[in-house]
Amino acid sequence: MNVMSKQSDLLNKYYECKATEAEKRQLLRMLNHREIWNDDFDEAWEHAFGDICKSTDNRIFKKIEKATKPKRMFPWKYVFSAVVCIGTLFISVLSVHLWKKNEMLIAYAYENATIEVEKGQKSNVVLPDGTQVVLNSDSRLTYGKDFNGIMREVNLQGEAYFQVAPQPHSSFVVRVGELAIQALGTSFNIKAYPDEDKITAYLESGIIVVKSADEVIRVEPHETVFFTPSNGKLSRYVVEDGFSHLAWLSNEMVYEDEPLIEIIKQLERLYNVKFSIKSEELSSITFSGTLKNNSLQSTLYALEFTASIRYKYTPDEIELYMK
């Protein structure tokens, strides 16, 4: 099958909603090579035009009309320019359809890729190998152009939940600061924010191997590993209920004797706000319970009711006082 017929076949499958995830990724990879589409676009356009929705038809028709209206007769180079311009529009429209809201389908990387999630946001990401990742607020995931080689390696800053696509002959490694976490066909959660004093990895299923400069720990399901960068120590605990580590996926936060200062860090990331502690006594307060982060206001009400906290809105921050 030549390149042009392959493009047409993928386009037909996409517009008929029959394309698999692998075929969508293949189509995205082809879209990265604009020269292929520009050289042969007239054939692909004629082949795919009939299946495009009316709103897209109208936009493209207006583009053609605008490009051709000034002159009745014009050199062929202008026709070619118009076709290239329309091709760019078509590719842009197609790309938008392939990227769902808050869910990114990442094409096979020809360059280094970085996915960043701002404060107050979350994102679902599908990596080129099919691995699914949920990124929490204020997090960043990067990987290189050789990701799909023998070693599948990503770098994480922040928090993420991974469901690793099984590939027996290709390791999946998450690098977090000084740690390397290796997995095969595994689901696990990693929390590693720069402003926190520890890195946490919770294993839901499968096997992971956590490596520091001095230690290597093989982790079983429902175990949690803590790494303290200040002393370079790894520690492991069995967790009867791992929901506290995964609650953020359901928009909840579970705490057990958690210092208020640490809770505030999470709330600042989650709601993209700034807190200021105005009473020294609050520095020693801990909180136990579950917060459902439906809204900032409801979260503040819960803290006010259960932790004897009073709050005050200002233009720049939320001030916290002891009742």
Protein backbone atom coordinates (compact mmCIF):
# COMPACT_ATOMS: atom_id res chain seq x y z
CA MET A 1 0.00 0.00 0.00
CA ASN A 2 1.54 3.36 -1.03
CA VAL A 3 1.67 6.37 1.28
CA MET A 4 -1.25 8.13 -0.37
CA SER A 5 -3.63 5.16 -0.20
CA LYS A 6 -2.56 4.56 3.39
CA GLN A 7 -3.47 8.16 4.25
CA SER A 8 -6.84 7.75 2.56
CA ASP A 9 -7.54 4.50 4.35
CA LEU A 10 -6.74 6.03 7.75
CA LEU A 11 -8.87 9.10 6.97
CA ASN A 12 -11.83 6.94 6.00
CA LYS A 13 -11.56 4.88 9.17
CA TYR A 14 -11.30 8.02 11.32
CA TYR A 15 -14.37 9.72 9.81
CA GLU A 16 -16.36 6.47 10.01
CA CYS A 17 -15.38 6.18 13.72
CA LYS A 18 -13.73 2.81 13.02
CA ALA A 19 -10.11 3.76 13.71
CA THR A 20 -8.37 2.01 16.60
CA GLU A 21 -6.22 3.93 19.10
CA ALA A 22 -3.12 2.60 17.31
CA GLU A 23 -4.44 3.86 13.95
CA LYS A 24 -5.19 7.28 15.46
CA ARG A 25 -1.60 7.46 16.71
CA GLN A 26 -0.39 6.41 13.26
CA LEU A 27 -2.49 9.15 11.66
CA LEU A 28 -1.04 11.71 14.07
CA ARG A 29 2.47 10.60 13.18
CA MET A 30 1.69 11.13 9.50
CA LEU A 31 0.29 14.57 10.29
CA ASN A 32 3.70 15.48 11.71
CA HIS A 33 5.13 15.17 8.18
CA ARG A 34 3.47 18.15 6.51
CA GLU A 35 5.48 17.70 3.28
CA ILE A 36 3.66 14.41 2.57
CA TRP A 37 0.28 16.08 2.86
CA ASN A 38 1.27 19.19 0.91
CA ASP A 39 2.66 17.24 -2.07
CA ASP A 40 -0.26 14.86 -2.44
CA PHE A 41 -3.03 16.73 -0.68
CA ASP A 42 -5.29 17.17 -3.72
CA GLU A 43 -5.78 13.41 -3.99
CA ALA A 44 -6.39 12.94 -0.26
CA TRP A 45 -8.76 15.91 -0.22
CA GLU A 46 -10.84 14.52 -3.08
CA HIS A 47 -10.93 11.14 -1.38
CA ALA A 48 -11.98 12.41 2.08
CA PHE A 49 -14.07 15.49 1.30
CA GLY A 50 -17.44 13.78 1.11
CA ASP A 51 -17.34 12.62 4.71
CA ILE A 52 -16.53 15.95 6.34
CA CYS A 53 -19.27 17.60 8.36
CA LYS A 54 -21.15 20.60 6.90
CA SER A 55 -19.62 23.16 9.27
CA THR A 56 -16.12 22.13 8.17
CA ASP A 57 -17.24 22.08 4.51
CA ASN A 58 -18.50 25.67 4.83
CA ARG A 59 -15.30 26.91 6.45
CA ILE A 60 -13.15 25.30 3.77
CA PHE A 61 -15.43 26.56 0.97
CA LYS A 62 -15.10 30.13 2.28
CA LYS A 63 -11.33 29.66 2.40
CA ILE A 64 -11.32 28.56 -1.25
CA GLU A 65 -13.65 31.41 -2.24
CA LYS A 66 -11.47 33.99 -0.50
CA ALA A 67 -8.32 32.59 -2.11
CA THR A 68 -9.76 32.51 -5.64
CA LYS A 69 -12.10 35.54 -5.78
CA PRO A 70 -9.58 38.35 -6.57
CA LYS A 71 -8.73 37.02 -10.05
CA ARG A 72 -10.60 34.96 -12.60
CA MET A 73 -7.40 33.66 -14.15
CA PHE A 74 -4.31 33.16 -12.09
CA PRO A 75 -1.05 31.18 -12.21
CA TRP A 76 -1.04 27.60 -11.00
CA LYS A 77 1.29 28.49 -8.11
CA TYR A 78 -1.59 30.39 -6.46
CA VAL A 79 -3.81 27.35 -6.79
CA PHE A 80 -1.13 25.27 -5.15
CA SER A 81 -0.74 27.84 -2.36
CA ALA A 82 -4.48 27.80 -1.74
CA VAL A 83 -4.49 23.99 -1.58
CA VAL A 84 -1.59 24.02 0.89
CA CYS A 85 -3.40 26.61 3.00
CA ILE A 86 -6.59 24.55 2.97
CA GLY A 87 -4.56 21.47 3.79
CA THR A 88 -3.17 23.20 6.87
CA LEU A 89 -6.70 24.12 7.94
CA PHE A 90 -7.87 20.55 7.40
CA ILE A 91 -4.97 19.15 9.44
CA SER A 92 -5.70 21.61 12.23
CA VAL A 93 -9.38 20.62 12.34
CA LEU A 94 -8.47 16.93 12.35
CA SER A 95 -5.94 17.43 15.14
CA VAL A 96 -8.53 19.15 17.32
CA HIS A 97 -10.87 16.17 16.91
CA LEU A 98 -8.10 13.79 17.95
CA TRP A 99 -7.43 15.69 21.18
CA LYS A 100 -10.30 15.27 23.63
CA LYS A 101 -10.97 17.72 26.44
CA ASN A 102 -8.60 17.08 29.34
CA GLU A 103 -7.32 13.89 27.66
CA MET A 104 -4.18 13.99 25.54
CA LEU A 105 -3.26 11.33 23.00
CA ILE A 106 0.47 11.86 22.64
CA ALA A 107 1.98 11.07 19.23
CA TYR A 108 5.18 9.03 19.01
CA ALA A 109 7.87 11.50 19.96
CA TYR A 110 10.37 12.72 17.39
CA GLU A 111 11.61 15.26 19.94
CA ASN A 112 11.55 15.43 23.72
CA ALA A 113 7.96 15.76 25.00
CA THR A 114 6.76 17.64 28.08
CA ILE A 115 3.23 17.51 29.51
CA GLU A 116 2.56 20.16 32.16
CA VAL A 117 -0.57 20.48 34.30
CA GLU A 118 -1.22 23.82 35.95
CA LYS A 119 -2.49 24.37 39.47
CA GLY A 120 -6.21 23.70 39.75
CA GLN A 121 -6.16 21.21 36.84
CA LYS A 122 -5.77 17.48 36.14
CA SER A 123 -5.08 15.65 32.89
CA ASN A 124 -5.41 12.13 31.52
CA VAL A 125 -2.52 11.23 29.22
CA VAL A 126 -1.98 8.27 26.89
CA LEU A 127 1.72 7.71 26.18
CA PRO A 128 2.93 6.34 22.81
CA ASP A 129 3.17 2.78 24.18
CA GLY A 130 -0.42 2.83 25.44
CA THR A 131 0.47 3.51 29.08
CA GLN A 132 -2.26 5.59 30.75
CA VAL A 133 -1.28 8.37 33.14
CA VAL A 134 -3.39 10.69 35.29
CA LEU A 135 -1.46 13.83 36.23
CA ASN A 136 -2.46 15.75 39.33
CA SER A 137 -2.37 19.54 39.72
CA ASP A 138 0.96 21.34 39.34
CA SER A 139 2.70 18.29 37.82
CA ARG A 140 5.05 17.75 34.89
CA LEU A 141 5.89 14.61 32.90
CA THR A 142 8.70 14.46 30.31
CA TYR A 143 10.13 11.77 28.04
CA GLY A 144 12.62 11.60 25.18
CA LYS A 145 12.43 10.82 21.48
CA ASP A 146 13.73 7.28 22.10
CA PHE A 147 10.87 6.46 24.51
CA ASN A 148 9.62 3.52 22.42
CA GLY A 149 12.99 1.81 22.37
CA ILE A 150 14.21 -0.93 24.66
CA MET A 151 13.85 1.38 27.66
CA ARG A 152 10.61 3.32 28.23
CA GLU A 153 11.65 6.11 30.56
CA VAL A 154 9.81 9.19 31.84
CA ASN A 155 10.62 11.91 34.37
CA LEU A 156 8.02 13.10 36.87
CA GLN A 157 7.69 16.13 39.06
CA GLY A 158 4.49 16.27 41.08
CA GLU A 159 1.94 13.46 41.36
CA ALA A 160 0.75 10.87 38.86
CA TYR A 161 -1.09 7.57 38.68
CA PHE A 162 0.29 5.10 36.11
CA GLN A 163 -1.32 2.11 34.41
CA VAL A 164 1.63 0.70 32.51
CA ALA A 165 1.04 -1.07 29.20
CA PRO A 166 2.66 -4.53 29.40
CA GLN A 167 5.71 -4.98 27.17
CA PRO A 168 7.75 -7.95 28.48
CA HIS A 169 10.92 -6.96 26.62
CA SER A 170 10.77 -3.24 27.43
CA SER A 171 11.11 -1.86 30.95
CA PHE A 172 9.06 1.14 32.08
CA VAL A 173 10.98 3.47 34.38
CA VAL A 174 9.83 6.60 36.20
CA ARG A 175 12.65 8.85 37.37
CA VAL A 176 11.83 11.07 40.33
CA GLY A 177 14.74 13.08 41.64
CA GLU A 178 17.29 10.55 42.92
CA LEU A 179 14.88 7.60 42.55
CA ALA A 180 14.30 5.21 39.66
CA ILE A 181 11.04 3.23 39.82
CA GLN A 182 10.88 0.29 37.41
CA ALA A 183 7.62 -1.46 36.49
CA LEU A 184 6.16 -4.03 34.12
CA GLY A 185 2.40 -4.10 33.49
CA THR A 186 1.76 -2.33 36.76
CA SER A 187 -0.57 0.28 38.29
CA PHE A 188 0.90 2.59 40.91
CA ASN A 189 0.86 6.12 42.27
CA ILE A 190 3.84 8.43 42.80
CA LYS A 191 3.78 11.67 44.76
CA ALA A 192 6.91 13.79 44.48
CA TYR A 193 6.40 17.53 44.85
CA PRO A 194 9.55 19.64 45.32
CA ASP A 195 8.09 21.49 48.30
CA GLU A 196 7.42 18.29 50.28
CA ASP A 197 10.02 16.48 52.37
CA LYS A 198 9.39 12.97 51.06
CA ILE A 199 8.62 10.99 47.91
CA THR A 200 5.85 8.39 48.13
CA ALA A 201 5.15 5.44 45.84
CA TYR A 202 2.07 3.26 46.39
CA LEU A 203 1.68 0.02 44.40
CA GLU A 204 -1.87 -0.99 43.52
CA SER A 205 -1.08 -4.03 41.35
CA GLY A 206 1.89 -5.76 39.73
CA ILE A 207 5.48 -5.30 40.82
CA ILE A 208 7.76 -2.28 41.04
CA VAL A 209 11.43 -2.03 41.94
CA VAL A 210 12.49 1.20 43.64
CA LYS A 211 16.17 2.14 43.37
CA SER A 212 18.02 4.87 45.23
CA ALA A 213 21.74 5.53 45.21
CA ASP A 214 22.24 3.08 48.10
CA GLU A 215 19.23 0.74 48.17
CA VAL A 216 16.99 -1.41 45.99
CA ILE A 217 13.52 -2.46 47.21
CA ARG A 218 11.14 -4.83 45.45
CA VAL A 219 7.60 -3.69 46.24
CA GLU A 220 4.53 -5.93 46.39
CA PRO A 221 0.89 -4.85 45.85
CA HIS A 222 -0.62 -2.67 48.60
CA GLU A 223 2.76 -1.61 49.87
CA THR A 224 3.97 1.98 50.15
CA VAL A 225 7.56 3.17 49.83
CA PHE A 226 8.77 6.43 51.33
CA PHE A 227 12.01 8.11 50.31
CA THR A 228 13.47 10.95 52.35
CA PRO A 229 15.91 13.00 50.21
CA SER A 230 17.48 14.65 53.27
CA ASN A 231 18.96 11.34 54.51
CA GLY A 232 18.66 9.18 51.38
CA LYS A 233 16.68 6.49 53.21
CA LEU A 234 14.02 4.19 51.77
CA SER A 235 11.30 2.69 53.96
CA ARG A 236 8.45 0.34 53.14
CA TYR A 237 5.05 -0.22 54.78
CA VAL A 238 2.10 -2.51 54.15
CA VAL A 239 -1.12 -0.54 53.61
CA GLU A 240 -4.43 -2.21 54.45
CA ASP A 241 -6.45 0.40 52.56
CA GLY A 242 -4.67 2.24 49.77
CA PHE A 243 -7.56 4.61 49.12
CA SER A 244 -5.78 7.45 50.90
CA HIS A 245 -3.10 7.36 48.17
CA LEU A 246 -5.61 7.21 45.30
CA ALA A 247 -8.41 9.37 46.70
CA TRP A 248 -7.33 12.35 44.58
CA LEU A 249 -8.41 10.44 41.48
CA SER A 250 -11.97 10.67 42.85
CA ASN A 251 -11.58 14.32 43.88
CA GLU A 252 -11.14 13.46 47.55
CA MET A 253 -8.36 13.96 50.09
CA VAL A 254 -7.92 11.55 53.02
CA TYR A 255 -5.84 12.60 56.02
CA GLU A 256 -4.76 10.92 59.24
CA ASP A 257 -3.05 13.27 61.69
CA GLU A 258 -1.79 15.34 58.75
CA PRO A 259 -0.17 18.67 59.71
CA LEU A 260 -2.22 21.64 58.59
CA ILE A 261 0.84 23.09 56.86
CA GLU A 262 1.02 20.06 54.53
CA ILE A 263 -2.72 20.21 53.85
CA ILE A 264 -2.40 23.87 52.87
CA LYS A 265 0.27 22.98 50.27
CA GLN A 266 -2.16 20.57 48.62
CA LEU A 267 -5.03 23.04 48.71
CA GLU A 268 -2.87 25.71 47.08
CA ARG A 269 -2.09 23.36 44.21
CA LEU A 270 -5.62 22.07 43.92
CA TYR A 271 -7.44 25.40 43.92
CA ASN A 272 -4.62 27.65 42.64
CA VAL A 273 -4.86 29.98 45.65
CA LYS A 274 -2.45 31.29 48.28
CA PHE A 275 -2.86 30.72 52.03
CA SER A 276 -1.23 32.64 54.85
CA ILE A 277 -1.11 31.38 58.46
CA LYS A 278 -1.74 34.27 60.84
CA SER A 279 -1.82 32.36 64.14
CA GLU A 280 1.32 30.52 65.28
CA GLU A 281 -0.78 27.88 67.03
CA LEU A 282 -1.95 26.60 63.63
CA SER A 283 1.55 25.34 62.84
CA SER A 284 1.10 22.49 65.32
CA ILE A 285 -2.46 21.52 64.37
CA THR A 286 -3.12 18.19 62.63
CA PHE A 287 -6.23 17.06 60.80
CA SER A 288 -7.87 13.66 60.33
CA GLY A 289 -10.75 13.08 57.97
CA THR A 290 -11.84 13.19 54.34
CA LEU A 291 -12.18 16.36 52.32
CA LYS A 292 -14.18 16.25 49.11
CA ASN A 293 -12.75 18.97 46.92
CA ASN A 294 -16.00 19.95 45.21
CA SER A 295 -15.28 23.60 45.89
CA LEU A 296 -12.84 25.71 47.85
CA GLN A 297 -15.66 27.14 49.94
CA SER A 298 -16.91 23.73 51.09
CA THR A 299 -13.34 22.70 51.96
CA LEU A 300 -12.87 25.84 54.07
CA TYR A 301 -16.20 25.17 55.82
CA ALA A 302 -15.01 21.64 56.70
CA LEU A 303 -11.72 22.89 58.13
CA GLU A 304 -13.47 25.66 60.04
CA PHE A 305 -15.94 23.22 61.58
CA THR A 306 -13.56 20.40 62.49
CA ALA A 307 -10.20 22.05 63.12
CA SER A 308 -11.16 25.26 64.95
CA ILE A 309 -9.90 27.42 62.09
CA ARG A 310 -11.17 30.83 61.07
CA TYR A 311 -10.45 32.16 57.60
CA LYS A 312 -10.61 35.53 55.90
CA TYR A 313 -10.48 36.35 52.17
CA THR A 314 -8.15 39.14 51.01
CA PRO A 315 -7.40 40.25 47.42
CA ASP A 316 -4.13 38.28 47.35
CA GLU A 317 -4.59 35.32 49.70
CA ILE A 318 -6.72 33.48 52.24
CA GLU A 319 -5.71 34.23 55.81
CA LEU A 320 -6.07 31.51 58.46
CA TYR A 321 -6.55 32.26 62.14
CA MET A 322 -7.07 30.19 65.28
CA LYS A 323 -10.60 30.45 66.62
